[in-house]
Amino acid sequence: MAMKRLLLLLKPFNVSAPPPSQTHPQVLHFLDSRHKMHHEAVNFCQAIVKKKSVPWKAVVRNNLSEPIKDVDMVVTVGGDGTLLEASHYMDDTIPVLGVNSDPTRIDEVEKFSSEFDATRSTGHLCAATVENFEQVLDGILEGQIVPSKLTRIMTSVNAHQLSTFALNDILVAHPCPASLSRFSFSIKKDDQFCSPRVNCRSSGLRVSTAAGSTAAMHSAGGFPMHILSQDLQYMVREPISHGAVSNFMHGLVEHDQKMDTTWSSRRGVIYIDGSHVNYSIKNGDFIQISSKAPVLKIFLPHQLLQLKNA
């Protein structure tokens, strides 16, 4: 892979201070360890990139405010959150490699399970750690490792396309989690109905990509999808009196279909890949959801591609 410029996108170095109730020495030691692991991983990745004679620059993800351009590849150093944030600034022309800077250690989680949560970073979409970063980078530069294409979600409100494409999922819900969400939806293909009009009173609507199907969607009772599937999975959360349309509370929006949704509560929010990116909606707004967004080119962990072929 011919490369003229590389961007290292870094998770911030700051670690949130624990609340007064969690100032146990072991908790403080754990947080200090996380900070050191990430700092060492960033230094290591920068040292490796320097050896490759490829022009590069490093940017902390909090300082990212414009679409990523004029680079041939992005390397995120952090976890899935850093990779997700990078994806919001990327089109379908630049590939991204995720480096998990602080992987979770199962033995550590088990050791402290009765005292605190010792989970570090999952790094589900990260193809590298410090253990194999140079090997993976060399494989990319030599053309032996090629990027895959992940489906993302395109969302529009009243025919205006939202600027952020979801890599994991979107949640359409009332901003207060205790309030009822009222909406209706149907699934269409080429303006032909593939489902009846479904009227919902629930706690919201979640739609995920294949990449996001192992996250909140799976936790809510959804099913993992093949990582390269172009379909979307949807679920009406905690529906009330769904009756005759119960078969449509959970299902797929296939790659050549779209979901048309009308919001019927006074207030609502579309959350994209978590809570940080969100758009307000109001009663009567028309929301269209599909997999027509530009794909994300990403170097995936080998095990995810193996699952695809299983």
Protein backbone atom coordinates (compact mmCIF):
# COMPACT_ATOMS: atom_id res chain seq x y z
CA MET A 1 0.00 0.00 0.00
CA ALA A 2 1.57 3.26 -1.16
CA MET A 3 1.38 5.71 1.70
CA LYS A 4 2.24 9.40 1.66
CA ARG A 5 0.87 10.46 5.02
CA LEU A 6 -0.45 8.77 8.15
CA LEU A 7 -2.56 10.17 10.99
CA LEU A 8 -2.25 8.85 14.54
CA LEU A 9 -5.46 9.65 16.40
CA LEU A 10 -4.95 9.33 20.14
CA LYS A 11 -7.27 8.74 23.05
CA PRO A 12 -6.78 11.55 25.63
CA PHE A 13 -4.30 10.83 28.42
CA ASN A 14 -6.44 12.10 31.27
CA VAL A 15 -8.04 9.58 33.60
CA SER A 16 -11.23 10.51 35.42
CA ALA A 17 -10.76 10.84 39.17
CA PRO A 18 -12.77 8.28 41.14
CA PRO A 19 -15.55 9.44 43.45
CA PRO A 20 -14.70 9.69 47.17
CA SER A 21 -16.35 6.30 47.77
CA GLN A 22 -13.81 4.64 45.47
CA THR A 23 -10.50 5.92 46.78
CA HIS A 24 -9.39 2.44 47.78
CA PRO A 25 -5.65 2.04 47.10
CA GLN A 26 -6.30 -0.82 44.65
CA VAL A 27 -8.68 1.33 42.60
CA LEU A 28 -6.16 4.16 42.47
CA HIS A 29 -3.43 1.72 41.49
CA PHE A 30 -5.65 0.29 38.74
CA LEU A 31 -6.40 3.74 37.30
CA ASP A 32 -2.73 4.67 37.44
CA SER A 33 -1.89 1.44 35.63
CA ARG A 34 -4.41 2.25 32.89
CA HIS A 35 -2.88 5.68 32.40
CA LYS A 36 0.63 4.25 32.16
CA MET A 37 -0.39 1.48 29.76
CA HIS A 38 -2.01 3.95 27.38
CA HIS A 39 0.89 6.40 27.59
CA GLU A 40 3.40 3.62 26.87
CA ALA A 41 1.30 2.35 23.96
CA VAL A 42 1.18 5.81 22.38
CA ASN A 43 4.95 6.19 22.71
CA PHE A 44 5.48 2.72 21.29
CA CYS A 45 3.24 3.32 18.26
CA GLN A 46 4.93 6.64 17.54
CA ALA A 47 8.35 4.98 17.71
CA ILE A 48 7.26 2.27 15.28
CA VAL A 49 5.81 4.77 12.80
CA LYS A 50 9.02 6.81 12.91
CA LYS A 51 10.93 3.75 11.70
CA LYS A 52 8.79 3.39 8.58
CA SER A 53 9.83 6.53 6.72
CA VAL A 54 6.21 7.58 6.33
CA PRO A 55 5.26 11.22 7.03
CA TRP A 56 2.85 11.29 9.96
CA LYS A 57 1.28 13.47 12.58
CA ALA A 58 -0.46 12.79 15.89
CA VAL A 59 -3.73 14.38 17.02
CA VAL A 60 -5.60 13.87 20.29
CA ARG A 61 -9.15 12.88 19.41
CA ASN A 62 -10.65 15.75 21.47
CA ASN A 63 -8.97 18.17 19.05
CA LEU A 64 -10.65 16.64 16.01
CA SER A 65 -13.31 18.96 14.60
CA GLU A 66 -13.09 18.73 10.81
CA PRO A 67 -13.41 15.83 8.36
CA ILE A 68 -10.20 13.83 8.05
CA LYS A 69 -8.57 14.52 4.70
CA ASP A 70 -5.15 14.55 3.03
CA VAL A 71 -3.97 11.35 4.70
CA ASP A 72 -3.73 7.81 3.33
CA MET A 73 -4.48 6.00 6.57
CA VAL A 74 -5.65 6.63 10.12
CA VAL A 75 -4.30 4.70 13.11
CA THR A 76 -6.36 5.12 16.27
CA VAL A 77 -4.62 4.41 19.57
CA GLY A 78 -7.10 3.83 22.38
CA GLY A 79 -10.09 1.52 22.13
CA ASP A 80 -13.37 1.15 20.29
CA GLY A 81 -14.49 4.60 21.47
CA THR A 82 -11.55 6.28 19.76
CA LEU A 83 -12.16 4.29 16.59
CA LEU A 84 -15.87 5.15 16.64
CA GLU A 85 -15.11 8.83 17.02
CA ALA A 86 -12.62 8.71 14.16
CA SER A 87 -15.24 7.08 11.94
CA HIS A 88 -17.53 10.08 12.36
CA TYR A 89 -14.95 12.22 10.57
CA MET A 90 -14.10 9.75 7.80
CA ASP A 91 -15.57 9.00 4.38
CA ASP A 92 -15.15 5.79 2.40
CA THR A 93 -11.74 6.58 0.90
CA ILE A 94 -9.38 6.41 3.90
CA PRO A 95 -8.81 3.14 5.79
CA VAL A 96 -8.46 2.99 9.57
CA LEU A 97 -6.54 0.65 11.85
CA GLY A 98 -7.45 0.45 15.53
CA VAL A 99 -4.76 -0.22 18.14
CA ASN A 100 -6.10 -1.28 21.53
CA SER A 101 -3.77 0.56 23.91
CA ASP A 102 -5.00 -1.07 27.12
CA PRO A 103 -6.62 -4.49 26.58
CA THR A 104 -8.74 -6.03 29.32
CA ARG A 105 -6.98 -8.74 31.31
CA ILE A 106 -9.32 -11.58 32.24
CA ASP A 107 -7.26 -12.65 35.25
CA GLU A 108 -7.33 -9.10 36.60
CA VAL A 109 -11.11 -8.82 36.15
CA GLU A 110 -11.62 -12.09 38.02
CA LYS A 111 -9.19 -11.16 40.78
CA PHE A 112 -10.96 -7.90 41.65
CA SER A 113 -14.54 -8.88 40.72
CA SER A 114 -15.75 -8.70 44.32
CA GLU A 115 -14.17 -5.26 44.88
CA PHE A 116 -14.53 -3.21 41.67
CA ASP A 117 -14.88 -3.49 37.90
CA ALA A 118 -11.38 -4.02 36.50
CA THR A 119 -12.46 -4.06 32.86
CA ARG A 120 -10.08 -2.11 30.65
CA SER A 121 -10.68 -1.79 26.89
CA THR A 122 -12.59 -4.33 24.80
CA GLY A 123 -11.20 -3.28 21.44
CA HIS A 124 -13.70 -5.37 19.48
CA LEU A 125 -12.83 -3.63 16.19
CA CYS A 126 -9.14 -3.08 16.94
CA ALA A 127 -6.89 -5.31 14.84
CA ALA A 128 -3.70 -4.54 16.78
CA THR A 129 -2.16 -4.09 20.21
CA VAL A 130 1.41 -3.12 21.06
CA GLU A 131 2.21 -6.83 20.78
CA ASN A 132 1.58 -6.99 17.04
CA PHE A 133 1.30 -3.38 15.84
CA GLU A 134 4.52 -3.37 13.84
CA GLN A 135 3.70 -6.72 12.24
CA VAL A 136 0.21 -5.55 11.25
CA LEU A 137 1.51 -2.19 9.99
CA ASP A 138 4.18 -3.90 7.88
CA GLY A 139 1.53 -6.19 6.41
CA ILE A 140 -0.55 -3.17 5.44
CA LEU A 141 2.38 -1.28 3.93
CA GLU A 142 3.41 -4.36 1.94
CA GLY A 143 -0.13 -4.91 0.67
CA GLN A 144 -0.54 -8.26 2.42
CA ILE A 145 -3.35 -7.00 4.68
CA VAL A 146 -6.25 -5.21 3.03
CA PRO A 147 -9.14 -3.31 4.60
CA SER A 148 -12.68 -4.61 4.86
CA LYS A 149 -15.77 -2.51 4.25
CA LEU A 150 -18.19 -2.04 7.13
CA THR A 151 -21.75 -0.87 6.64
CA ARG A 152 -22.82 2.34 8.36
CA ILE A 153 -26.25 3.86 9.00
CA MET A 154 -27.53 6.86 7.09
CA THR A 155 -30.23 8.85 8.89
CA SER A 156 -32.30 11.74 7.60
CA VAL A 157 -34.87 13.94 9.34
CA ASN A 158 -37.53 15.56 7.19
CA ALA A 159 -35.43 14.74 4.09
CA HIS A 160 -32.32 16.43 5.55
CA GLN A 161 -29.43 13.96 5.88
CA LEU A 162 -27.65 13.99 9.24
CA SER A 163 -23.95 14.67 8.90
CA THR A 164 -22.82 11.76 11.11
CA PHE A 165 -23.00 8.15 9.97
CA ALA A 166 -23.38 5.51 12.67
CA LEU A 167 -20.85 2.69 12.72
CA ASN A 168 -22.46 0.86 15.67
CA ASP A 169 -26.06 1.96 16.14
CA ILE A 170 -28.60 4.70 16.56
CA LEU A 171 -31.17 5.07 19.32
CA VAL A 172 -34.32 7.12 18.78
CA ALA A 173 -35.94 7.88 22.11
CA HIS A 174 -37.39 10.47 24.46
CA PRO A 175 -34.55 12.38 26.21
CA CYS A 176 -35.92 11.25 29.58
CA PRO A 177 -35.45 7.48 29.97
CA ALA A 178 -38.56 7.26 32.18
CA SER A 179 -40.80 8.85 29.54
CA LEU A 180 -42.79 7.07 26.86
CA SER A 181 -41.65 7.20 23.24
CA ARG A 182 -44.44 7.24 20.65
CA PHE A 183 -43.62 6.57 17.00
CA SER A 184 -44.65 4.49 14.00
CA PHE A 185 -42.57 2.82 11.33
CA SER A 186 -42.73 0.74 8.18
CA ILE A 187 -40.09 -0.96 6.08
CA LYS A 188 -40.02 -0.31 2.36
CA LYS A 189 -38.19 -1.41 -0.77
CA ASP A 190 -38.45 0.79 -3.85
CA ASP A 191 -41.50 2.49 -2.29
CA GLN A 192 -43.21 -0.88 -1.85
CA PHE A 193 -44.18 -1.84 1.71
CA CYS A 194 -42.32 -4.84 3.19
CA SER A 195 -44.10 -4.49 6.53
CA PRO A 196 -47.34 -3.02 7.82
CA ARG A 197 -47.37 0.37 9.48
CA VAL A 198 -46.38 -0.41 13.07
CA ASN A 199 -47.54 2.00 15.80
CA CYS A 200 -45.38 1.87 18.91
CA ARG A 201 -45.47 3.00 22.49
CA SER A 202 -42.18 1.99 24.03
CA SER A 203 -38.89 3.26 25.43
CA GLY A 204 -37.49 3.88 21.96
CA LEU A 205 -36.16 2.34 18.77
CA ARG A 206 -32.64 0.97 18.32
CA VAL A 207 -31.12 0.20 14.93
CA SER A 208 -27.69 -1.37 14.63
CA THR A 209 -25.20 -2.33 11.96
CA ALA A 210 -23.52 -5.72 11.86
CA ALA A 211 -20.55 -4.17 13.68
CA GLY A 212 -22.85 -2.90 16.42
CA SER A 213 -24.94 -6.05 16.69
CA THR A 214 -22.66 -7.47 19.39
CA ALA A 215 -22.95 -4.35 21.55
CA ALA A 216 -26.17 -2.85 23.01
CA MET A 217 -28.33 -4.71 20.50
CA HIS A 218 -27.03 -8.08 21.68
CA SER A 219 -27.38 -7.07 25.33
CA ALA A 220 -31.05 -6.25 24.68
CA GLY A 221 -31.73 -9.67 23.19
CA GLY A 222 -30.70 -9.17 19.57
CA PHE A 223 -28.46 -11.51 17.63
CA PRO A 224 -24.85 -11.10 16.45
CA MET A 225 -24.60 -10.60 12.69
CA HIS A 226 -21.82 -11.43 10.26
CA ILE A 227 -19.41 -8.53 10.53
CA LEU A 228 -19.59 -7.77 6.79
CA SER A 229 -23.38 -7.99 6.51
CA GLN A 230 -24.92 -4.99 4.78
CA ASP A 231 -28.24 -5.40 6.59
CA LEU A 232 -29.37 -3.49 9.67
CA GLN A 233 -31.02 -4.96 12.75
CA TYR A 234 -33.75 -3.08 14.60
CA MET A 235 -35.51 -3.53 17.93
CA VAL A 236 -38.39 -1.67 19.55
CA ARG A 237 -37.35 -1.31 23.18
CA GLU A 238 -39.81 -2.46 25.84
CA PRO A 239 -42.94 -2.22 23.67
CA ILE A 240 -46.36 -1.77 25.28
CA SER A 241 -49.35 -3.75 23.93
CA HIS A 242 -47.79 -4.68 20.60
CA GLY A 243 -50.54 -7.28 19.94
CA ALA A 244 -51.03 -8.19 16.28
CA VAL A 245 -47.73 -6.62 15.16
CA SER A 246 -45.59 -8.47 17.72
CA ASN A 247 -43.59 -10.10 14.90
CA PHE A 248 -42.35 -6.66 13.84
CA MET A 249 -40.88 -5.55 17.17
CA HIS A 250 -37.48 -6.97 16.18
CA GLY A 251 -36.09 -7.74 12.76
CA LEU A 252 -33.92 -6.72 9.84
CA VAL A 253 -33.84 -3.81 7.45
CA GLU A 254 -32.15 -5.43 4.49
CA HIS A 255 -29.49 -3.63 2.49
CA ASP A 256 -31.92 -2.67 -0.28
CA GLN A 257 -34.64 -1.54 2.13
CA LYS A 258 -35.24 1.52 4.30
CA MET A 259 -37.14 2.19 7.50
CA ASP A 260 -39.55 5.14 7.46
CA THR A 261 -40.37 6.40 10.95
CA THR A 262 -42.71 9.14 12.17
CA TRP A 263 -42.03 10.53 15.63
CA SER A 264 -45.17 11.25 17.67
CA SER A 265 -43.88 12.48 21.03
CA ARG A 266 -43.40 16.13 21.84
CA ARG A 267 -39.64 15.66 22.31
CA GLY A 268 -37.13 13.14 21.10
CA VAL A 269 -33.45 12.58 20.39
CA ILE A 270 -31.52 10.56 17.84
CA TYR A 271 -28.36 9.26 19.54
CA ILE A 272 -25.56 8.12 17.23
CA ASP A 273 -22.99 5.62 18.50
CA GLY A 274 -23.65 6.52 22.13
CA SER A 275 -24.68 9.75 23.79
CA HIS A 276 -22.09 12.27 22.59
CA VAL A 277 -23.48 12.76 19.07
CA ASN A 278 -27.19 13.50 19.15
CA TYR A 279 -29.87 15.37 17.24
CA SER A 280 -33.14 16.68 18.66
CA ILE A 281 -36.44 15.77 17.01
CA LYS A 282 -40.04 16.84 17.64
CA ASN A 283 -43.60 15.65 17.12
CA GLY A 284 -44.34 14.98 13.45
CA ASP A 285 -40.74 14.64 12.30
CA PHE A 286 -40.16 12.06 9.56
CA ILE A 287 -37.04 9.93 10.04
CA GLN A 288 -35.60 7.67 7.35
CA ILE A 289 -33.01 5.03 8.24
CA SER A 290 -31.01 2.91 5.79
CA SER A 291 -27.62 1.33 5.15
CA LYS A 292 -26.91 3.69 2.25
CA ALA A 293 -24.18 5.59 4.11
CA PRO A 294 -20.63 5.45 2.75
CA VAL A 295 -18.87 2.35 4.06
CA LEU A 296 -15.96 2.53 6.48
CA LYS A 297 -12.73 0.94 5.29
CA ILE A 298 -11.16 -0.78 8.29
CA PHE A 299 -8.47 -3.35 8.99
CA LEU A 300 -10.37 -5.89 11.06
CA PRO A 301 -9.10 -8.37 13.66
CA HIS A 302 -8.41 -11.74 12.06
CA GLN A 303 -10.83 -13.51 14.39
CA LEU A 304 -13.78 -11.40 13.20
CA LEU A 305 -13.11 -12.37 9.60
CA GLN A 306 -12.84 -16.00 10.64
CA LEU A 307 -16.28 -15.74 12.24
CA LYS A 308 -17.62 -14.43 8.95
CA ASN A 309 -16.55 -17.60 7.22
CA ALA A 310 -17.61 -19.96 10.03
